[in-house]
Every structure is written in structure tokens, then in C-alpha cells.
Amino acid sequence: MRILKEQELASIKGGGAGVAIGIVVGTIIVFLAGLLDGISRPISCEK
């Protein structure tokens, strides 16, 4: 194992933020699509 210098520590970037943003945006789009579909084509429950 090698000890990192302060400059090397500052240059480390994580890759999880981009994935998380993509998942959140996708979730919002799917939710809005379902909401608009439910408003435009309401399906009644069969009792």
C-alpha cells in the first residue's frame, strides 16, 4: 500500500454522483409519465 500525498488525495473523484443523478432523473420522468397517464386515462376499479 502506498501513502498518498495531499495533492493526490484532492484529485480523487468518485463516480457515484453521476449514476445517482441519472437514477433520480429517470425516476422523476417515470413518475410524471405515470401521473399524466393516470390523469388522461383513468381506469376504474372493478368491484
C-alpha atoms as a PDB file:
ATOM      1  CA  MET A   1       0.000   0.000   0.000  1.00  0.00           C
ATOM      2  CA  ARG A   2       1.254   3.453  -0.827  1.00  0.00           C
ATOM      3  CA  ILE A   3       0.693   6.655   1.125  1.00  0.00           C
ATOM      4  CA  LEU A   4      -0.972   9.372  -0.960  1.00  0.00           C
ATOM      5  CA  LYS A   5       0.118  12.971  -0.881  1.00  0.00           C
ATOM      6  CA  GLU A   6      -2.359  15.786  -0.203  1.00  0.00           C
ATOM      7  CA  GLN A   7      -2.421  16.777  -3.866  1.00  0.00           C
ATOM      8  CA  GLU A   8      -3.244  13.209  -4.896  1.00  0.00           C
ATOM      9  CA  LEU A   9      -5.987  12.982  -2.279  1.00  0.00           C
ATOM     10  CA  ALA A  10      -7.587  16.185  -3.573  1.00  0.00           C
ATOM     11  CA  SER A  11      -7.626  14.853  -7.141  1.00  0.00           C
ATOM     12  CA  ILE A  12      -9.627  11.685  -6.327  1.00  0.00           C
ATOM     13  CA  LYS A  13     -13.091  11.780  -7.866  1.00  0.00           C
ATOM     14  CA  GLY A  14     -15.968   9.434  -7.094  1.00  0.00           C
ATOM     15  CA  GLY A  15     -18.156   8.038  -9.838  1.00  0.00           C
ATOM     16  CA  GLY A  16     -21.336   7.520  -7.853  1.00  0.00           C
ATOM     17  CA  ALA A  17     -22.709  11.041  -8.176  1.00  0.00           C
ATOM     18  CA  GLY A  18     -23.384  10.787 -11.907  1.00  0.00           C
ATOM     19  CA  VAL A  19     -25.139   7.457 -11.503  1.00  0.00           C
ATOM     20  CA  ALA A  20     -27.268   8.774  -8.634  1.00  0.00           C
ATOM     21  CA  ILE A  21     -28.305  11.851 -10.625  1.00  0.00           C
ATOM     22  CA  GLY A  22     -29.257   9.635 -13.574  1.00  0.00           C
ATOM     23  CA  ILE A  23     -31.374   7.389 -11.376  1.00  0.00           C
ATOM     24  CA  VAL A  24     -33.156  10.359  -9.775  1.00  0.00           C
ATOM     25  CA  VAL A  25     -33.886  11.971 -13.159  1.00  0.00           C
ATOM     26  CA  GLY A  26     -35.143   8.654 -14.551  1.00  0.00           C
ATOM     27  CA  THR A  27     -37.369   8.116 -11.523  1.00  0.00           C
ATOM     28  CA  ILE A  28     -38.905  11.581 -11.871  1.00  0.00           C
ATOM     29  CA  ILE A  29     -39.577  11.034 -15.585  1.00  0.00           C
ATOM     30  CA  VAL A  30     -41.245   7.662 -14.970  1.00  0.00           C
ATOM     31  CA  PHE A  31     -43.342   9.104 -12.122  1.00  0.00           C
ATOM     32  CA  LEU A  32     -44.523  12.045 -14.236  1.00  0.00           C
ATOM     33  CA  ALA A  33     -45.342   9.742 -17.168  1.00  0.00           C
ATOM     34  CA  GLY A  34     -47.446   7.541 -14.886  1.00  0.00           C
ATOM     35  CA  LEU A  35     -49.139  10.555 -13.328  1.00  0.00           C
ATOM     36  CA  LEU A  36     -50.070  12.025 -16.712  1.00  0.00           C
ATOM     37  CA  ASP A  37     -51.247   8.626 -17.934  1.00  0.00           C
ATOM     38  CA  GLY A  38     -53.460   8.232 -14.866  1.00  0.00           C
ATOM     39  CA  ILE A  39     -54.951  11.689 -15.303  1.00  0.00           C
ATOM     40  CA  SER A  40     -55.590  11.301 -19.028  1.00  0.00           C
ATOM     41  CA  ARG A  41     -56.878   7.687 -18.916  1.00  0.00           C
ATOM     42  CA  PRO A  42     -58.357   6.919 -15.502  1.00  0.00           C
ATOM     43  CA  ILE A  43     -59.166   3.230 -15.117  1.00  0.00           C
ATOM     44  CA  SER A  44     -61.960   2.433 -12.688  1.00  0.00           C
ATOM     45  CA  CYS A  45     -61.708  -0.414 -10.214  1.00  0.00           C
ATOM     46  CA  GLU A  46     -63.913  -3.452 -10.877  1.00  0.00           C
ATOM     47  CA  LYS A  47     -65.812  -4.473  -7.763  1.00  0.00           C
END
